[in-house]
Amino acid sequence: MKIATLLLTFAACFFLPLAHAADKPAATSTIEAVLVVASKAPGKPDPRLAAYEATLRRVLRFESFQFLGRARATLAIPG
């Protein structure tokens, strides 16, 4: 009985870390999203978007932008 317990303990110590290593992702990446509302009507500039406002106007061709929120997520790659 002691040999069976010893073998089971050895197997658990050796094989369980290998099983969990396969579950880990190869890499992770973090993505951040900013939610912005755009309008054709002129409005007061949002100071949180000051760094992006010129690019937003040029690319999206709207007059005013309002910051609504920000979120971040971490993704497993591949996945």
PDB file of N, CA and C in Angstrom:
ATOM      1  N   MET A   1       0.818  -1.195   0.000  1.00  0.00           N
ATOM      2  CA  MET A   1       0.000   0.000   0.000  1.00  0.00           C
ATOM      3  C   MET A   1       0.863   1.260   0.000  1.00  0.00           C
ATOM      4  N   LYS A   2       1.989   1.218   0.720  1.00  0.00           N
ATOM      5  CA  LYS A   2       2.870   2.375   0.768  1.00  0.00           C
ATOM      6  C   LYS A   2       3.512   2.639  -0.586  1.00  0.00           C
ATOM      7  N   ILE A   3       3.803   1.587  -1.339  1.00  0.00           N
ATOM      8  CA  ILE A   3       4.408   1.753  -2.662  1.00  0.00           C
ATOM      9  C   ILE A   3       3.406   2.400  -3.614  1.00  0.00           C
ATOM     10  N   ALA A   4       2.155   1.978  -3.542  1.00  0.00           N
ATOM     11  CA  ALA A   4       1.123   2.570  -4.392  1.00  0.00           C
ATOM     12  C   ALA A   4       0.954   4.049  -4.071  1.00  0.00           C
ATOM     13  N   THR A   5       0.968   4.411  -2.812  1.00  0.00           N
ATOM     14  CA  THR A   5       0.849   5.813  -2.413  1.00  0.00           C
ATOM     15  C   THR A   5       2.042   6.612  -2.891  1.00  0.00           C
ATOM     16  N   LEU A   6       3.237   6.032  -2.764  1.00  0.00           N
ATOM     17  CA  LEU A   6       4.446   6.699  -3.214  1.00  0.00           C
ATOM     18  C   LEU A   6       4.424   6.901  -4.730  1.00  0.00           C
ATOM     19  N   LEU A   7       4.001   5.888  -5.481  1.00  0.00           N
ATOM     20  CA  LEU A   7       3.926   6.011  -6.944  1.00  0.00           C
ATOM     21  C   LEU A   7       2.882   7.038  -7.366  1.00  0.00           C
ATOM     22  N   LEU A   8       1.748   7.055  -6.683  1.00  0.00           N
ATOM     23  CA  LEU A   8       0.703   8.032  -7.001  1.00  0.00           C
ATOM     24  C   LEU A   8       1.182   9.450  -6.707  1.00  0.00           C
ATOM     25  N   THR A   9       1.881   9.635  -5.605  1.00  0.00           N
ATOM     26  CA  THR A   9       2.423  10.950  -5.268  1.00  0.00           C
ATOM     27  C   THR A   9       3.456  11.384  -6.296  1.00  0.00           C
ATOM     28  N   PHE A  10       4.329  10.478  -6.699  1.00  0.00           N
ATOM     29  CA  PHE A  10       5.333  10.790  -7.714  1.00  0.00           C
ATOM     30  C   PHE A  10       4.656  11.174  -9.036  1.00  0.00           C
ATOM     31  N   ALA A  11       3.665  10.400  -9.439  1.00  0.00           N
ATOM     32  CA  ALA A  11       2.965  10.679 -10.696  1.00  0.00           C
ATOM     33  C   ALA A  11       2.277  12.043 -10.642  1.00  0.00           C
ATOM     34  N   ALA A  12       1.651  12.353  -9.509  1.00  0.00           N
ATOM     35  CA  ALA A  12       0.969  13.643  -9.377  1.00  0.00           C
ATOM     36  C   ALA A  12       1.967  14.796  -9.439  1.00  0.00           C
ATOM     37  N   CYS A  13       3.107  14.644  -8.790  1.00  0.00           N
ATOM     38  CA  CYS A  13       4.132  15.700  -8.796  1.00  0.00           C
ATOM     39  C   CYS A  13       4.749  15.884 -10.171  1.00  0.00           C
ATOM     40  N   PHE A  14       4.827  14.825 -10.948  1.00  0.00           N
ATOM     41  CA  PHE A  14       5.477  14.905 -12.256  1.00  0.00           C
ATOM     42  C   PHE A  14       4.506  15.309 -13.369  1.00  0.00           C
ATOM     43  N   PHE A  15       3.315  14.727 -13.405  1.00  0.00           N
ATOM     44  CA  PHE A  15       2.406  14.931 -14.527  1.00  0.00           C
ATOM     45  C   PHE A  15       1.484  16.132 -14.384  1.00  0.00           C
ATOM     46  N   LEU A  16       1.091  16.534 -13.196  1.00  0.00           N
ATOM     47  CA  LEU A  16       0.189  17.674 -13.047  1.00  0.00           C
ATOM     48  C   LEU A  16       0.805  18.984 -13.544  1.00  0.00           C
ATOM     49  N   PRO A  17       2.072  19.284 -13.245  1.00  0.00           N
ATOM     50  CA  PRO A  17       2.646  20.510 -13.818  1.00  0.00           C
ATOM     51  C   PRO A  17       2.678  20.480 -15.342  1.00  0.00           C
ATOM     52  N   LEU A  18       2.889  19.319 -15.944  1.00  0.00           N
ATOM     53  CA  LEU A  18       2.884  19.227 -17.412  1.00  0.00           C
ATOM     54  C   LEU A  18       1.498  19.489 -17.974  1.00  0.00           C
ATOM     55  N   ALA A  19       0.471  19.010 -17.307  1.00  0.00           N
ATOM     56  CA  ALA A  19      -0.897  19.226 -17.779  1.00  0.00           C
ATOM     57  C   ALA A  19      -1.262  20.700 -17.698  1.00  0.00           C
ATOM     58  N   HIS A  20      -0.855  21.386 -16.651  1.00  0.00           N
ATOM     59  CA  HIS A  20      -1.176  22.806 -16.517  1.00  0.00           C
ATOM     60  C   HIS A  20      -0.340  23.666 -17.444  1.00  0.00           C
ATOM     61  N   ALA A  21       0.842  23.235 -17.813  1.00  0.00           N
ATOM     62  CA  ALA A  21       1.680  24.008 -18.730  1.00  0.00           C
ATOM     63  C   ALA A  21       1.033  24.107 -20.105  1.00  0.00           C
ATOM     64  N   ALA A  22       0.291  23.098 -20.510  1.00  0.00           N
ATOM     65  CA  ALA A  22      -0.379  23.127 -21.814  1.00  0.00           C
ATOM     66  C   ALA A  22      -1.544  24.109 -21.813  1.00  0.00           C
ATOM     67  N   ASP A  23      -2.099  24.426 -20.640  1.00  0.00           N
ATOM     68  CA  ASP A  23      -3.223  25.350 -20.546  1.00  0.00           C
ATOM     69  C   ASP A  23      -2.802  26.806 -20.671  1.00  0.00           C
ATOM     70  N   LYS A  24      -1.541  27.111 -20.414  1.00  0.00           N
ATOM     71  CA  LYS A  24      -1.082  28.488 -20.429  1.00  0.00           C
ATOM     72  C   LYS A  24      -0.948  28.987 -21.862  1.00  0.00           C
ATOM     73  N   PRO A  25      -1.369  30.231 -22.122  1.00  0.00           N
ATOM     74  CA  PRO A  25      -1.231  30.776 -23.471  1.00  0.00           C
ATOM     75  C   PRO A  25       0.233  31.069 -23.796  1.00  0.00           C
ATOM     76  N   ALA A  26       0.531  31.080 -25.071  1.00  0.00           N
ATOM     77  CA  ALA A  26       1.897  31.355 -25.517  1.00  0.00           C
ATOM     78  C   ALA A  26       2.272  32.801 -25.211  1.00  0.00           C
ATOM     79  N   ALA A  27       1.325  33.721 -25.312  1.00  0.00           N
ATOM     80  CA  ALA A  27       1.586  35.138 -25.059  1.00  0.00           C
ATOM     81  C   ALA A  27       0.270  35.829 -24.737  1.00  0.00           C
ATOM     82  N   THR A  28       0.361  37.044 -24.228  1.00  0.00           N
ATOM     83  CA  THR A  28      -0.836  37.839 -23.986  1.00  0.00           C
ATOM     84  C   THR A  28      -0.645  39.213 -24.612  1.00  0.00           C
ATOM     85  N   SER A  29      -1.751  39.850 -24.891  1.00  0.00           N
ATOM     86  CA  SER A  29      -1.735  41.189 -25.440  1.00  0.00           C
ATOM     87  C   SER A  29      -2.836  41.989 -24.759  1.00  0.00           C
ATOM     88  N   THR A  30      -2.572  43.252 -24.505  1.00  0.00           N
ATOM     89  CA  THR A  30      -3.559  44.111 -23.864  1.00  0.00           C
ATOM     90  C   THR A  30      -4.104  45.092 -24.895  1.00  0.00           C
ATOM     91  N   ILE A  31      -5.427  45.217 -24.913  1.00  0.00           N
ATOM     92  CA  ILE A  31      -6.101  46.131 -25.832  1.00  0.00           C
ATOM     93  C   ILE A  31      -6.852  47.160 -25.010  1.00  0.00           C
ATOM     94  N   GLU A  32      -6.749  48.418 -25.409  1.00  0.00           N
ATOM     95  CA  GLU A  32      -7.481  49.482 -24.736  1.00  0.00           C
ATOM     96  C   GLU A  32      -8.400  50.142 -25.753  1.00  0.00           C
ATOM     97  N   ALA A  33      -9.657  50.349 -25.368  1.00  0.00           N
ATOM     98  CA  ALA A  33     -10.641  50.971 -26.254  1.00  0.00           C
ATOM     99  C   ALA A  33     -11.170  52.239 -25.598  1.00  0.00           C
ATOM    100  N   VAL A  34     -11.389  53.262 -26.412  1.00  0.00           N
ATOM    101  CA  VAL A  34     -11.950  54.530 -25.946  1.00  0.00           C
ATOM    102  C   VAL A  34     -13.245  54.753 -26.714  1.00  0.00           C
ATOM    103  N   LEU A  35     -14.324  54.988 -25.982  1.00  0.00           N
ATOM    104  CA  LEU A  35     -15.629  55.235 -26.604  1.00  0.00           C
ATOM    105  C   LEU A  35     -15.827  56.738 -26.748  1.00  0.00           C
ATOM    106  N   VAL A  36     -16.054  57.178 -27.997  1.00  0.00           N
ATOM    107  CA  VAL A  36     -16.183  58.596 -28.312  1.00  0.00           C
ATOM    108  C   VAL A  36     -17.456  58.795 -29.120  1.00  0.00           C
ATOM    109  N   VAL A  37     -18.189  59.868 -28.799  1.00  0.00           N
ATOM    110  CA  VAL A  37     -19.368  60.251 -29.583  1.00  0.00           C
ATOM    111  C   VAL A  37     -18.967  61.439 -30.445  1.00  0.00           C
ATOM    112  N   ALA A  38     -19.277  61.363 -31.735  1.00  0.00           N
ATOM    113  CA  ALA A  38     -18.942  62.434 -32.672  1.00  0.00           C
ATOM    114  C   ALA A  38     -20.218  63.118 -33.142  1.00  0.00           C
ATOM    115  N   SER A  39     -20.096  64.421 -33.432  1.00  0.00           N
ATOM    116  CA  SER A  39     -21.251  65.190 -33.886  1.00  0.00           C
ATOM    117  C   SER A  39     -20.824  66.150 -34.987  1.00  0.00           C
ATOM    118  N   LYS A  40     -21.742  66.422 -35.902  1.00  0.00           N
ATOM    119  CA  LYS A  40     -21.492  67.413 -36.963  1.00  0.00           C
ATOM    120  C   LYS A  40     -21.663  68.831 -36.435  1.00  0.00           C
ATOM    121  N   ALA A  41     -22.355  68.998 -35.305  1.00  0.00           N
ATOM    122  CA  ALA A  41     -22.569  70.322 -34.718  1.00  0.00           C
ATOM    123  C   ALA A  41     -21.322  70.753 -33.943  1.00  0.00           C
ATOM    124  N   PRO A  42     -20.933  72.024 -34.084  1.00  0.00           N
ATOM    125  CA  PRO A  42     -19.784  72.502 -33.305  1.00  0.00           C
ATOM    126  C   PRO A  42     -20.096  72.428 -31.811  1.00  0.00           C
ATOM    127  N   GLY A  43     -19.076  72.157 -31.026  1.00  0.00           N
ATOM    128  CA  GLY A  43     -19.262  72.071 -29.586  1.00  0.00           C
ATOM    129  C   GLY A  43     -17.970  72.331 -28.849  1.00  0.00           C
ATOM    130  N   LYS A  44     -18.072  72.370 -27.541  1.00  0.00           N
ATOM    131  CA  LYS A  44     -16.914  72.601 -26.692  1.00  0.00           C
ATOM    132  C   LYS A  44     -15.992  71.385 -26.761  1.00  0.00           C
ATOM    133  N   PRO A  45     -14.681  71.597 -26.972  1.00  0.00           N
ATOM    134  CA  PRO A  45     -13.756  70.457 -27.060  1.00  0.00           C
ATOM    135  C   PRO A  45     -13.608  69.744 -25.709  1.00  0.00           C
ATOM    136  N   ASP A  46     -13.539  68.424 -25.759  1.00  0.00           N
ATOM    137  CA  ASP A  46     -13.348  67.619 -24.548  1.00  0.00           C
ATOM    138  C   ASP A  46     -11.848  67.567 -24.250  1.00  0.00           C
ATOM    139  N   PRO A  47     -11.409  68.031 -23.074  1.00  0.00           N
ATOM    140  CA  PRO A  47      -9.975  68.061 -22.778  1.00  0.00           C
ATOM    141  C   PRO A  47      -9.329  66.679 -22.749  1.00  0.00           C
ATOM    142  N   ARG A  48     -10.096  65.621 -22.481  1.00  0.00           N
ATOM    143  CA  ARG A  48      -9.534  64.267 -22.467  1.00  0.00           C
ATOM    144  C   ARG A  48      -9.181  63.782 -23.863  1.00  0.00           C
ATOM    145  N   LEU A  49      -9.728  64.434 -24.888  1.00  0.00           N
ATOM    146  CA  LEU A  49      -9.444  64.052 -26.279  1.00  0.00           C
ATOM    147  C   LEU A  49      -8.540  65.044 -26.986  1.00  0.00           C
ATOM    148  N   ALA A  50      -7.948  65.983 -26.247  1.00  0.00           N
ATOM    149  CA  ALA A  50      -7.138  67.040 -26.862  1.00  0.00           C
ATOM    150  C   ALA A  50      -6.005  66.471 -27.712  1.00  0.00           C
ATOM    151  N   ALA A  51      -5.379  65.403 -27.264  1.00  0.00           N
ATOM    152  CA  ALA A  51      -4.258  64.820 -28.020  1.00  0.00           C
ATOM    153  C   ALA A  51      -4.714  64.173 -29.326  1.00  0.00           C
ATOM    154  N   TYR A  52      -5.966  63.793 -29.426  1.00  0.00           N
ATOM    155  CA  TYR A  52      -6.480  63.067 -30.595  1.00  0.00           C
ATOM    156  C   TYR A  52      -7.395  63.904 -31.488  1.00  0.00           C
ATOM    157  N   GLU A  53      -7.786  65.082 -31.023  1.00  0.00           N
ATOM    158  CA  GLU A  53      -8.837  65.838 -31.718  1.00  0.00           C
ATOM    159  C   GLU A  53      -8.496  66.173 -33.167  1.00  0.00           C
ATOM    160  N   ALA A  54      -7.292  66.602 -33.444  1.00  0.00           N
ATOM    161  CA  ALA A  54      -6.917  66.942 -34.831  1.00  0.00           C
ATOM    162  C   ALA A  54      -7.010  65.713 -35.739  1.00  0.00           C
ATOM    163  N   THR A  55      -6.553  64.589 -35.250  1.00  0.00           N
ATOM    164  CA  THR A  55      -6.621  63.357 -36.045  1.00  0.00           C
ATOM    165  C   THR A  55      -8.071  62.923 -36.230  1.00  0.00           C
ATOM    166  N   LEU A  56      -8.877  63.010 -35.178  1.00  0.00           N
ATOM    167  CA  LEU A  56     -10.292  62.636 -35.292  1.00  0.00           C
ATOM    168  C   LEU A  56     -11.010  63.517 -36.305  1.00  0.00           C
ATOM    169  N   ARG A  57     -10.768  64.806 -36.280  1.00  0.00           N
ATOM    170  CA  ARG A  57     -11.414  65.720 -37.249  1.00  0.00           C
ATOM    171  C   ARG A  57     -10.994  65.391 -38.681  1.00  0.00           C
ATOM    172  N   ARG A  58      -9.707  65.141 -38.878  1.00  0.00           N
ATOM    173  CA  ARG A  58      -9.200  64.871 -40.222  1.00  0.00           C
ATOM    174  C   ARG A  58      -9.724  63.547 -40.770  1.00  0.00           C
ATOM    175  N   VAL A  59      -9.719  62.506 -39.938  1.00  0.00           N
ATOM    176  CA  VAL A  59     -10.090  61.174 -40.407  1.00  0.00           C
ATOM    177  C   VAL A  59     -11.604  60.994 -40.459  1.00  0.00           C
ATOM    178  N   LEU A  60     -12.305  61.408 -39.421  1.00  0.00           N
ATOM    179  CA  LEU A  60     -13.750  61.152 -39.333  1.00  0.00           C
ATOM    180  C   LEU A  60     -14.610  62.287 -39.874  1.00  0.00           C
ATOM    181  N   ARG A  61     -14.041  63.484 -40.021  1.00  0.00           N
ATOM    182  CA  ARG A  61     -14.728  64.652 -40.586  1.00  0.00           C
ATOM    183  C   ARG A  61     -15.982  65.057 -39.812  1.00  0.00           C
ATOM    184  N   PHE A  62     -15.869  65.062 -38.487  1.00  0.00           N
ATOM    185  CA  PHE A  62     -16.916  65.581 -37.616  1.00  0.00           C
ATOM    186  C   PHE A  62     -16.391  66.840 -36.951  1.00  0.00           C
ATOM    187  N   GLU A  63     -17.280  67.624 -36.357  1.00  0.00           N
ATOM    188  CA  GLU A  63     -16.906  68.899 -35.756  1.00  0.00           C
ATOM    189  C   GLU A  63     -16.554  68.804 -34.275  1.00  0.00           C
ATOM    190  N   SER A  64     -17.273  67.958 -33.520  1.00  0.00           N
ATOM    191  CA  SER A  64     -17.012  67.865 -32.084  1.00  0.00           C
ATOM    192  C   SER A  64     -17.019  66.407 -31.642  1.00  0.00           C
ATOM    193  N   PHE A  65     -16.298  66.162 -30.562  1.00  0.00           N
ATOM    194  CA  PHE A  65     -16.142  64.806 -30.033  1.00  0.00           C
ATOM    195  C   PHE A  65     -16.282  64.844 -28.522  1.00  0.00           C
ATOM    196  N   GLN A  66     -16.940  63.826 -27.989  1.00  0.00           N
ATOM    197  CA  GLN A  66     -17.139  63.738 -26.541  1.00  0.00           C
ATOM    198  C   GLN A  66     -16.671  62.363 -26.059  1.00  0.00           C
ATOM    199  N   PHE A  67     -15.851  62.358 -25.036  1.00  0.00           N
ATOM    200  CA  PHE A  67     -15.331  61.136 -24.427  1.00  0.00           C
ATOM    201  C   PHE A  67     -16.427  60.521 -23.552  1.00  0.00           C
ATOM    202  N   LEU A  68     -16.734  59.221 -23.759  1.00  0.00           N
ATOM    203  CA  LEU A  68     -17.749  58.548 -22.948  1.00  0.00           C
ATOM    204  C   LEU A  68     -17.170  57.520 -21.988  1.00  0.00           C
ATOM    205  N   GLY A  69     -16.087  56.861 -22.371  1.00  0.00           N
ATOM    206  CA  GLY A  69     -15.534  55.846 -21.486  1.00  0.00           C
ATOM    207  C   GLY A  69     -14.309  55.183 -22.066  1.00  0.00           C
ATOM    208  N   ARG A  70     -13.676  54.389 -21.206  1.00  0.00           N
ATOM    209  CA  ARG A  70     -12.458  53.679 -21.592  1.00  0.00           C
ATOM    210  C   ARG A  70     -12.488  52.305 -20.942  1.00  0.00           C
ATOM    211  N   ALA A  71     -11.998  51.291 -21.654  1.00  0.00           N
ATOM    212  CA  ALA A  71     -11.940  49.929 -21.113  1.00  0.00           C
ATOM    213  C   ALA A  71     -10.666  49.258 -21.598  1.00  0.00           C
ATOM    214  N   ARG A  72     -10.218  48.277 -20.822  1.00  0.00           N
ATOM    215  CA  ARG A  72      -8.992  47.548 -21.155  1.00  0.00           C
ATOM    216  C   ARG A  72      -9.265  46.061 -20.986  1.00  0.00           C
ATOM    217  N   ALA A  73      -8.701  45.253 -21.886  1.00  0.00           N
ATOM    218  CA  ALA A  73      -8.854  43.801 -21.808  1.00  0.00           C
ATOM    219  C   ALA A  73      -7.524  43.135 -22.156  1.00  0.00           C
ATOM    220  N   THR A  74      -7.265  42.010 -21.527  1.00  0.00           N
ATOM    221  CA  THR A  74      -6.075  41.223 -21.823  1.00  0.00           C
ATOM    222  C   THR A  74      -6.514  39.959 -22.558  1.00  0.00           C
ATOM    223  N   LEU A  75      -5.894  39.709 -23.685  1.00  0.00           N
ATOM    224  CA  LEU A  75      -6.254  38.574 -24.533  1.00  0.00           C
ATOM    225  C   LEU A  75      -5.127  37.557 -24.561  1.00  0.00           C
ATOM    226  N   ALA A  76      -5.496  36.292 -24.615  1.00  0.00           N
ATOM    227  CA  ALA A  76      -4.529  35.198 -24.750  1.00  0.00           C
ATOM    228  C   ALA A  76      -4.254  34.964 -26.232  1.00  0.00           C
ATOM    229  N   ILE A  77      -2.986  34.802 -26.578  1.00  0.00           N
ATOM    230  CA  ILE A  77      -2.614  34.541 -27.969  1.00  0.00           C
ATOM    231  C   ILE A  77      -1.903  33.203 -28.029  1.00  0.00           C
ATOM    232  N   PRO A  78      -2.293  32.255 -28.835  1.00  0.00           N
ATOM    233  CA  PRO A  78      -3.476  32.296 -29.698  1.00  0.00           C
ATOM    234  C   PRO A  78      -4.733  32.068 -28.878  1.00  0.00           C
ATOM    235  N   GLY A  79      -5.807  32.548 -29.363  1.00  0.00           N
ATOM    236  CA  GLY A  79      -7.053  32.383 -28.626  1.00  0.00           C
ATOM    237  C   GLY A  79      -8.098  33.153 -29.215  1.00  0.00           C
TER     238      GLY A  79
END
